[in-house]
Amino acid sequence: TRNPMRFFLEKHVTRAKEHAFMQAFRDRVGL
């Protein structure tokens, strides 16, 4: 992105969700 945009996530929720779904992605190869 040439011009970064400032935005907000929900503290204690959104990043927990991100980590959970990222691990679900890694589960597909057994990591």
PDB file of all heavy atoms in Angstrom:
ATOM      1  N   THR A   1       0.831  -1.196   0.000  1.00  0.00           N
ATOM      2  CA  THR A   1       0.000   0.000   0.000  1.00  0.00           C
ATOM      3  C   THR A   1       0.871   1.253   0.000  1.00  0.00           C
ATOM      4  O   THR A   1       1.701   1.436   0.876  1.00  0.00           O
ATOM      5  CB  THR A   1      -0.922   0.025   1.239  1.00  0.00           C
ATOM      6  OG1 THR A   1      -1.642  -1.203   1.287  1.00  0.00           O
ATOM      7  CG2 THR A   1      -1.885   1.176   1.181  1.00  0.00           C
ATOM      8  N   ARG A   2       0.683   2.120  -0.977  1.00  0.00           N
ATOM      9  CA  ARG A   2       1.501   3.330  -1.058  1.00  0.00           C
ATOM     10  C   ARG A   2       1.168   4.312   0.054  1.00  0.00           C
ATOM     11  O   ARG A   2       2.051   4.986   0.590  1.00  0.00           O
ATOM     12  CB  ARG A   2       1.298   4.008  -2.420  1.00  0.00           C
ATOM     13  CG  ARG A   2       1.895   3.231  -3.576  1.00  0.00           C
ATOM     14  CD  ARG A   2       1.670   3.996  -4.870  1.00  0.00           C
ATOM     15  NE  ARG A   2       2.245   3.265  -5.985  1.00  0.00           N
ATOM     16  CZ  ARG A   2       3.511   3.350  -6.352  1.00  0.00           C
ATOM     17  NH1 ARG A   2       4.331   4.120  -5.689  1.00  0.00           N
ATOM     18  NH2 ARG A   2       3.967   2.656  -7.378  1.00  0.00           N
ATOM     19  N   ASN A   3      -0.115   4.424   0.384  1.00  0.00           N
ATOM     20  CA  ASN A   3      -0.547   5.371   1.409  1.00  0.00           C
ATOM     21  C   ASN A   3      -1.213   4.602   2.541  1.00  0.00           C
ATOM     22  O   ASN A   3      -2.390   4.256   2.456  1.00  0.00           O
ATOM     23  CB  ASN A   3      -1.526   6.391   0.806  1.00  0.00           C
ATOM     24  CG  ASN A   3      -0.886   7.179  -0.324  1.00  0.00           C
ATOM     25  OD1 ASN A   3       0.133   7.823  -0.132  1.00  0.00           O
ATOM     26  ND2 ASN A   3      -1.481   7.102  -1.511  1.00  0.00           N
ATOM     27  N   PRO A   4      -0.476   4.306   3.616  1.00  0.00           N
ATOM     28  CA  PRO A   4      -1.035   3.500   4.705  1.00  0.00           C
ATOM     29  C   PRO A   4      -2.286   4.136   5.295  1.00  0.00           C
ATOM     30  O   PRO A   4      -2.415   5.355   5.373  1.00  0.00           O
ATOM     31  CB  PRO A   4       0.103   3.467   5.726  1.00  0.00           C
ATOM     32  CG  PRO A   4       1.339   3.719   4.945  1.00  0.00           C
ATOM     33  CD  PRO A   4       0.929   4.670   3.849  1.00  0.00           C
ATOM     34  N   MET A   5      -3.212   3.279   5.710  1.00  0.00           N
ATOM     35  CA  MET A   5      -4.453   3.714   6.332  1.00  0.00           C
ATOM     36  C   MET A   5      -4.420   3.333   7.804  1.00  0.00           C
ATOM     37  O   MET A   5      -4.085   2.208   8.164  1.00  0.00           O
ATOM     38  CB  MET A   5      -5.646   3.046   5.649  1.00  0.00           C
ATOM     39  CG  MET A   5      -6.992   3.406   6.273  1.00  0.00           C
ATOM     40  SD  MET A   5      -8.350   2.446   5.545  1.00  0.00           S
ATOM     41  CE  MET A   5      -8.106   0.826   6.305  1.00  0.00           C
ATOM     42  N   ARG A   6      -4.796   4.264   8.674  1.00  0.00           N
ATOM     43  CA  ARG A   6      -4.893   3.992  10.103  1.00  0.00           C
ATOM     44  C   ARG A   6      -6.274   3.428  10.394  1.00  0.00           C
ATOM     45  O   ARG A   6      -7.291   3.914   9.920  1.00  0.00           O
ATOM     46  CB  ARG A   6      -4.680   5.292  10.878  1.00  0.00           C
ATOM     47  CG  ARG A   6      -4.777   5.187  12.392  1.00  0.00           C
ATOM     48  CD  ARG A   6      -4.321   6.510  12.986  1.00  0.00           C
ATOM     49  NE  ARG A   6      -4.478   6.578  14.423  1.00  0.00           N
ATOM     50  CZ  ARG A   6      -5.507   7.140  15.049  1.00  0.00           C
ATOM     51  NH1 ARG A   6      -6.486   7.690  14.330  1.00  0.00           N
ATOM     52  NH2 ARG A   6      -5.559   7.174  16.370  1.00  0.00           N
ATOM     53  N   PHE A   7      -6.301   2.353  11.191  1.00  0.00           N
ATOM     54  CA  PHE A   7      -7.577   1.748  11.554  1.00  0.00           C
ATOM     55  C   PHE A   7      -7.426   1.097  12.924  1.00  0.00           C
ATOM     56  O   PHE A   7      -6.342   1.099  13.522  1.00  0.00           O
ATOM     57  CB  PHE A   7      -8.020   0.727  10.501  1.00  0.00           C
ATOM     58  CG  PHE A   7      -7.115  -0.464  10.383  1.00  0.00           C
ATOM     59  CD1 PHE A   7      -7.405  -1.655  11.041  1.00  0.00           C
ATOM     60  CD2 PHE A   7      -5.959  -0.420   9.618  1.00  0.00           C
ATOM     61  CE1 PHE A   7      -6.576  -2.759  10.943  1.00  0.00           C
ATOM     62  CE2 PHE A   7      -5.120  -1.514   9.506  1.00  0.00           C
ATOM     63  CZ  PHE A   7      -5.421  -2.687  10.175  1.00  0.00           C
ATOM     64  N   PHE A   8      -8.521   0.510  13.427  1.00  0.00           N
ATOM     65  CA  PHE A   8      -8.506  -0.067  14.772  1.00  0.00           C
ATOM     66  C   PHE A   8      -8.992  -1.508  14.768  1.00  0.00           C
ATOM     67  O   PHE A   8      -9.952  -1.851  14.074  1.00  0.00           O
ATOM     68  CB  PHE A   8      -9.394   0.744  15.727  1.00  0.00           C
ATOM     69  CG  PHE A   8      -9.000   2.189  15.849  1.00  0.00           C
ATOM     70  CD1 PHE A   8      -9.828   3.182  15.347  1.00  0.00           C
ATOM     71  CD2 PHE A   8      -7.814   2.559  16.453  1.00  0.00           C
ATOM     72  CE1 PHE A   8      -9.480   4.521  15.457  1.00  0.00           C
ATOM     73  CE2 PHE A   8      -7.447   3.890  16.570  1.00  0.00           C
ATOM     74  CZ  PHE A   8      -8.281   4.873  16.073  1.00  0.00           C
ATOM     75  N   LEU A   9      -8.338  -2.317  15.565  1.00  0.00           N
ATOM     76  CA  LEU A   9      -8.826  -3.649  15.901  1.00  0.00           C
ATOM     77  C   LEU A   9      -9.402  -3.602  17.311  1.00  0.00           C
ATOM     78  O   LEU A   9      -9.185  -2.631  18.041  1.00  0.00           O
ATOM     79  CB  LEU A   9      -7.687  -4.665  15.840  1.00  0.00           C
ATOM     80  CG  LEU A   9      -6.952  -4.803  14.509  1.00  0.00           C
ATOM     81  CD1 LEU A   9      -5.854  -5.850  14.618  1.00  0.00           C
ATOM     82  CD2 LEU A   9      -7.909  -5.136  13.369  1.00  0.00           C
ATOM     83  N   GLU A  10     -10.128  -4.639  17.694  1.00  0.00           N
ATOM     84  CA  GLU A  10     -10.658  -4.694  19.050  1.00  0.00           C
ATOM     85  C   GLU A  10      -9.654  -5.405  19.954  1.00  0.00           C
ATOM     86  O   GLU A  10      -9.317  -6.573  19.737  1.00  0.00           O
ATOM     87  CB  GLU A  10     -11.996  -5.424  19.089  1.00  0.00           C
ATOM     88  CG  GLU A  10     -12.605  -5.427  20.487  1.00  0.00           C
ATOM     89  CD  GLU A  10     -13.983  -6.052  20.532  1.00  0.00           C
ATOM     90  OE1 GLU A  10     -14.569  -6.307  19.457  1.00  0.00           O
ATOM     91  OE2 GLU A  10     -14.481  -6.293  21.653  1.00  0.00           O
ATOM     92  N   LYS A  11      -9.188  -4.702  20.951  1.00  0.00           N
ATOM     93  CA  LYS A  11      -8.187  -5.238  21.858  1.00  0.00           C
ATOM     94  C   LYS A  11      -8.728  -6.477  22.569  1.00  0.00           C
ATOM     95  O   LYS A  11      -9.893  -6.534  22.946  1.00  0.00           O
ATOM     96  CB  LYS A  11      -7.794  -4.157  22.870  1.00  0.00           C
ATOM     97  CG  LYS A  11      -6.484  -4.417  23.607  1.00  0.00           C
ATOM     98  CD  LYS A  11      -6.124  -3.241  24.514  1.00  0.00           C
ATOM     99  CE  LYS A  11      -5.728  -2.009  23.714  1.00  0.00           C
ATOM    100  NZ  LYS A  11      -5.273  -0.906  24.621  1.00  0.00           N
ATOM    101  N   HIS A  12      -7.877  -7.465  22.731  1.00  0.00           N
ATOM    102  CA  HIS A  12      -8.164  -8.718  23.427  1.00  0.00           C
ATOM    103  C   HIS A  12      -9.144  -9.621  22.685  1.00  0.00           C
ATOM    104  O   HIS A  12      -9.566 -10.636  23.225  1.00  0.00           O
ATOM    105  CB  HIS A  12      -8.692  -8.473  24.847  1.00  0.00           C
ATOM    106  CG  HIS A  12      -7.846  -7.528  25.648  1.00  0.00           C
ATOM    107  ND1 HIS A  12      -6.483  -7.682  25.798  1.00  0.00           N
ATOM    108  CD2 HIS A  12      -8.165  -6.389  26.324  1.00  0.00           C
ATOM    109  CE1 HIS A  12      -6.003  -6.704  26.536  1.00  0.00           C
ATOM    110  NE2 HIS A  12      -6.997  -5.894  26.870  1.00  0.00           N
ATOM    111  N   VAL A  13      -9.515  -9.236  21.449  1.00  0.00           N
ATOM    112  CA  VAL A  13     -10.431 -10.070  20.675  1.00  0.00           C
ATOM    113  C   VAL A  13      -9.863 -10.369  19.284  1.00  0.00           C
ATOM    114  O   VAL A  13      -9.656 -11.530  18.920  1.00  0.00           O
ATOM    115  CB  VAL A  13     -11.820  -9.407  20.541  1.00  0.00           C
ATOM    116  CG1 VAL A  13     -12.721 -10.242  19.609  1.00  0.00           C
ATOM    117  CG2 VAL A  13     -12.477  -9.253  21.899  1.00  0.00           C
ATOM    118  N   THR A  14      -9.623  -9.318  18.494  1.00  0.00           N
ATOM    119  CA  THR A  14      -9.300  -9.516  17.086  1.00  0.00           C
ATOM    120  C   THR A  14      -8.004 -10.290  16.881  1.00  0.00           C
ATOM    121  O   THR A  14      -7.927 -11.187  16.034  1.00  0.00           O
ATOM    122  CB  THR A  14      -9.206  -8.164  16.354  1.00  0.00           C
ATOM    123  OG1 THR A  14     -10.296  -7.330  16.740  1.00  0.00           O
ATOM    124  CG2 THR A  14      -9.238  -8.368  14.858  1.00  0.00           C
ATOM    125  N   ARG A  15      -6.965  -9.965  17.643  1.00  0.00           N
ATOM    126  CA  ARG A  15      -5.701 -10.660  17.450  1.00  0.00           C
ATOM    127  C   ARG A  15      -5.749 -12.082  17.999  1.00  0.00           C
ATOM    128  O   ARG A  15      -5.084 -12.984  17.490  1.00  0.00           O
ATOM    129  CB  ARG A  15      -4.544  -9.861  18.066  1.00  0.00           C
ATOM    130  CG  ARG A  15      -4.334  -8.527  17.361  1.00  0.00           C
ATOM    131  CD  ARG A  15      -3.120  -7.775  17.859  1.00  0.00           C
ATOM    132  NE  ARG A  15      -1.884  -8.366  17.352  1.00  0.00           N
ATOM    133  CZ  ARG A  15      -0.973  -8.961  18.110  1.00  0.00           C
ATOM    134  NH1 ARG A  15      -1.154  -9.051  19.415  1.00  0.00           N
ATOM    135  NH2 ARG A  15       0.128  -9.445  17.580  1.00  0.00           N
ATOM    136  N   ALA A  16      -6.553 -12.308  19.025  1.00  0.00           N
ATOM    137  CA  ALA A  16      -6.758 -13.680  19.494  1.00  0.00           C
ATOM    138  C   ALA A  16      -7.396 -14.517  18.394  1.00  0.00           C
ATOM    139  O   ALA A  16      -7.012 -15.674  18.149  1.00  0.00           O
ATOM    140  CB  ALA A  16      -7.648 -13.679  20.737  1.00  0.00           C
ATOM    141  N   LYS A  17      -8.363 -13.929  17.726  1.00  0.00           N
ATOM    142  CA  LYS A  17      -9.007 -14.605  16.603  1.00  0.00           C
ATOM    143  C   LYS A  17      -8.002 -14.868  15.489  1.00  0.00           C
ATOM    144  O   LYS A  17      -7.966 -15.970  14.912  1.00  0.00           O
ATOM    145  CB  LYS A  17     -10.155 -13.732  16.085  1.00  0.00           C
ATOM    146  CG  LYS A  17     -10.782 -14.217  14.794  1.00  0.00           C
ATOM    147  CD  LYS A  17     -11.818 -13.224  14.303  1.00  0.00           C
ATOM    148  CE  LYS A  17     -12.343 -13.575  12.927  1.00  0.00           C
ATOM    149  NZ  LYS A  17     -13.331 -12.589  12.450  1.00  0.00           N
ATOM    150  N   GLU A  18      -7.172 -13.884  15.180  1.00  0.00           N
ATOM    151  CA  GLU A  18      -6.187 -14.042  14.112  1.00  0.00           C
ATOM    152  C   GLU A  18      -5.248 -15.213  14.399  1.00  0.00           C
ATOM    153  O   GLU A  18      -4.975 -16.045  13.527  1.00  0.00           O
ATOM    154  CB  GLU A  18      -5.384 -12.743  13.954  1.00  0.00           C
ATOM    155  CG  GLU A  18      -4.373 -12.755  12.822  1.00  0.00           C
ATOM    156  CD  GLU A  18      -5.013 -12.564  11.462  1.00  0.00           C
ATOM    157  OE1 GLU A  18      -6.243 -12.409  11.389  1.00  0.00           O
ATOM    158  OE2 GLU A  18      -4.272 -12.577  10.465  1.00  0.00           O
ATOM    159  N   HIS A  19      -4.748 -15.279  15.615  1.00  0.00           N
ATOM    160  CA  HIS A  19      -3.845 -16.370  15.974  1.00  0.00           C
ATOM    161  C   HIS A  19      -4.553 -17.720  15.879  1.00  0.00           C
ATOM    162  O   HIS A  19      -3.958 -18.712  15.434  1.00  0.00           O
ATOM    163  CB  HIS A  19      -3.304 -16.158  17.392  1.00  0.00           C
ATOM    164  CG  HIS A  19      -2.257 -15.107  17.493  1.00  0.00           C
ATOM    165  ND1 HIS A  19      -0.971 -15.288  17.038  1.00  0.00           N
ATOM    166  CD2 HIS A  19      -2.286 -13.845  17.996  1.00  0.00           C
ATOM    167  CE1 HIS A  19      -0.257 -14.193  17.248  1.00  0.00           C
ATOM    168  NE2 HIS A  19      -1.031 -13.303  17.829  1.00  0.00           N
ATOM    169  N   ALA A  20      -5.812 -17.766  16.276  1.00  0.00           N
ATOM    170  CA  ALA A  20      -6.562 -19.025  16.235  1.00  0.00           C
ATOM    171  C   ALA A  20      -6.748 -19.502  14.800  1.00  0.00           C
ATOM    172  O   ALA A  20      -6.557 -20.693  14.495  1.00  0.00           O
ATOM    173  CB  ALA A  20      -7.920 -18.844  16.917  1.00  0.00           C
ATOM    174  N   PHE A  21      -7.117 -18.602  13.906  1.00  0.00           N
ATOM    175  CA  PHE A  21      -7.338 -19.004  12.519  1.00  0.00           C
ATOM    176  C   PHE A  21      -6.018 -19.270  11.798  1.00  0.00           C
ATOM    177  O   PHE A  21      -5.967 -20.129  10.905  1.00  0.00           O
ATOM    178  CB  PHE A  21      -8.173 -17.952  11.790  1.00  0.00           C
ATOM    179  CG  PHE A  21      -9.651 -18.092  12.012  1.00  0.00           C
ATOM    180  CD1 PHE A  21     -10.255 -17.570  13.143  1.00  0.00           C
ATOM    181  CD2 PHE A  21     -10.452 -18.760  11.098  1.00  0.00           C
ATOM    182  CE1 PHE A  21     -11.610 -17.701  13.365  1.00  0.00           C
ATOM    183  CE2 PHE A  21     -11.816 -18.900  11.297  1.00  0.00           C
ATOM    184  CZ  PHE A  21     -12.396 -18.367  12.447  1.00  0.00           C
ATOM    185  N   MET A  22      -4.962 -18.549  12.164  1.00  0.00           N
ATOM    186  CA  MET A  22      -3.659 -18.845  11.587  1.00  0.00           C
ATOM    187  C   MET A  22      -3.217 -20.252  11.970  1.00  0.00           C
ATOM    188  O   MET A  22      -2.633 -20.978  11.146  1.00  0.00           O
ATOM    189  CB  MET A  22      -2.630 -17.815  12.038  1.00  0.00           C
ATOM    190  CG  MET A  22      -2.770 -16.461  11.371  1.00  0.00           C
ATOM    191  SD  MET A  22      -2.544 -16.511   9.582  1.00  0.00           S
ATOM    192  CE  MET A  22      -0.848 -17.059   9.488  1.00  0.00           C
ATOM    193  N   GLN A  23      -3.480 -20.649  13.202  1.00  0.00           N
ATOM    194  CA  GLN A  23      -3.118 -22.003  13.599  1.00  0.00           C
ATOM    195  C   GLN A  23      -3.976 -23.021  12.861  1.00  0.00           C
ATOM    196  O   GLN A  23      -3.498 -24.105  12.510  1.00  0.00           O
ATOM    197  CB  GLN A  23      -3.261 -22.180  15.111  1.00  0.00           C
ATOM    198  CG  GLN A  23      -2.734 -23.520  15.619  1.00  0.00           C
ATOM    199  CD  GLN A  23      -1.288 -23.774  15.227  1.00  0.00           C
ATOM    200  OE1 GLN A  23      -0.432 -22.899  15.348  1.00  0.00           O
ATOM    201  NE2 GLN A  23      -1.006 -24.978  14.742  1.00  0.00           N
ATOM    202  N   ALA A  24      -5.237 -22.681  12.584  1.00  0.00           N
ATOM    203  CA  ALA A  24      -6.086 -23.568  11.792  1.00  0.00           C
ATOM    204  C   ALA A  24      -5.519 -23.741  10.386  1.00  0.00           C
ATOM    205  O   ALA A  24      -5.605 -24.832   9.800  1.00  0.00           O
ATOM    206  CB  ALA A  24      -7.512 -23.006  11.722  1.00  0.00           C
ATOM    207  N   PHE A  25      -4.933 -22.686   9.850  1.00  0.00           N
ATOM    208  CA  PHE A  25      -4.269 -22.770   8.546  1.00  0.00           C
ATOM    209  C   PHE A  25      -3.063 -23.704   8.629  1.00  0.00           C
ATOM    210  O   PHE A  25      -2.875 -24.589   7.798  1.00  0.00           O
ATOM    211  CB  PHE A  25      -3.849 -21.366   8.111  1.00  0.00           C
ATOM    212  CG  PHE A  25      -2.998 -21.321   6.875  1.00  0.00           C
ATOM    213  CD1 PHE A  25      -3.509 -21.688   5.645  1.00  0.00           C
ATOM    214  CD2 PHE A  25      -1.672 -20.902   6.943  1.00  0.00           C
ATOM    215  CE1 PHE A  25      -2.723 -21.638   4.501  1.00  0.00           C
ATOM    216  CE2 PHE A  25      -0.879 -20.847   5.816  1.00  0.00           C
ATOM    217  CZ  PHE A  25      -1.403 -21.223   4.583  1.00  0.00           C
ATOM    218  N   ARG A  26      -2.246 -23.536   9.667  1.00  0.00           N
ATOM    219  CA  ARG A  26      -1.058 -24.382   9.825  1.00  0.00           C
ATOM    220  C   ARG A  26      -1.436 -25.836  10.089  1.00  0.00           C
ATOM    221  O   ARG A  26      -0.691 -26.751   9.734  1.00  0.00           O
ATOM    222  CB  ARG A  26      -0.193 -23.839  10.961  1.00  0.00           C
ATOM    223  CG  ARG A  26       0.364 -22.442  10.692  1.00  0.00           C
ATOM    224  CD  ARG A  26       1.184 -21.929  11.858  1.00  0.00           C
ATOM    225  NE  ARG A  26       1.741 -20.611  11.578  1.00  0.00           N
ATOM    226  CZ  ARG A  26       1.409 -19.500  12.232  1.00  0.00           C
ATOM    227  NH1 ARG A  26       0.522 -19.556  13.220  1.00  0.00           N
ATOM    228  NH2 ARG A  26       1.966 -18.355  11.914  1.00  0.00           N
ATOM    229  N   ASP A  27      -2.584 -26.043  10.720  1.00  0.00           N
ATOM    230  CA  ASP A  27      -3.047 -27.408  10.972  1.00  0.00           C
ATOM    231  C   ASP A  27      -3.164 -28.209   9.678  1.00  0.00           C
ATOM    232  O   ASP A  27      -3.068 -29.444   9.694  1.00  0.00           O
ATOM    233  CB  ASP A  27      -4.422 -27.396  11.664  1.00  0.00           C
ATOM    234  CG  ASP A  27      -4.348 -26.945  13.119  1.00  0.00           C
ATOM    235  OD1 ASP A  27      -3.239 -26.926  13.686  1.00  0.00           O
ATOM    236  OD2 ASP A  27      -5.405 -26.590  13.675  1.00  0.00           O
ATOM    237  N   ARG A  28      -3.384 -27.524   8.574  1.00  0.00           N
ATOM    238  CA  ARG A  28      -3.604 -28.222   7.310  1.00  0.00           C
ATOM    239  C   ARG A  28      -2.369 -28.988   6.844  1.00  0.00           C
ATOM    240  O   ARG A  28      -2.489 -29.916   6.047  1.00  0.00           O
ATOM    241  CB  ARG A  28      -4.040 -27.224   6.235  1.00  0.00           C
ATOM    242  CG  ARG A  28      -5.417 -26.637   6.483  1.00  0.00           C
ATOM    243  CD  ARG A  28      -5.835 -25.643   5.424  1.00  0.00           C
ATOM    244  NE  ARG A  28      -7.192 -25.162   5.659  1.00  0.00           N
ATOM    245  CZ  ARG A  28      -7.817 -24.285   4.899  1.00  0.00           C
ATOM    246  NH1 ARG A  28      -7.199 -23.766   3.841  1.00  0.00           N
ATOM    247  NH2 ARG A  28      -9.051 -23.899   5.190  1.00  0.00           N
ATOM    248  N   VAL A  29      -1.186 -28.601   7.305  1.00  0.00           N
ATOM    249  CA  VAL A  29       0.019 -29.367   6.976  1.00  0.00           C
ATOM    250  C   VAL A  29       0.616 -30.037   8.206  1.00  0.00           C
ATOM    251  O   VAL A  29       1.664 -30.681   8.127  1.00  0.00           O
ATOM    252  CB  VAL A  29       1.090 -28.504   6.280  1.00  0.00           C
ATOM    253  CG1 VAL A  29       0.701 -28.202   4.845  1.00  0.00           C
ATOM    254  CG2 VAL A  29       1.369 -27.236   7.063  1.00  0.00           C
ATOM    255  N   GLY A  30      -0.011 -29.850   9.361  1.00  0.00           N
ATOM    256  CA  GLY A  30       0.455 -30.527  10.560  1.00  0.00           C
ATOM    257  C   GLY A  30       1.437 -29.763  11.416  1.00  0.00           C
ATOM    258  O   GLY A  30       2.042 -30.335  12.326  1.00  0.00           O
ATOM    259  N   LEU A  31       1.607 -28.460  11.162  1.00  0.00           N
ATOM    260  CA  LEU A  31       2.514 -27.652  11.971  1.00  0.00           C
ATOM    261  C   LEU A  31       1.850 -27.345  13.309  1.00  0.00           C
ATOM    262  O   LEU A  31       0.808 -26.690  13.367  1.00  0.00           O
ATOM    263  CB  LEU A  31       2.866 -26.353  11.245  1.00  0.00           C
ATOM    264  CG  LEU A  31       3.634 -25.290  12.051  1.00  0.00           C
ATOM    265  CD1 LEU A  31       4.929 -25.851  12.626  1.00  0.00           C
ATOM    266  CD2 LEU A  31       3.913 -24.060  11.198  1.00  0.00           C
TER     267      LEU A  31
END
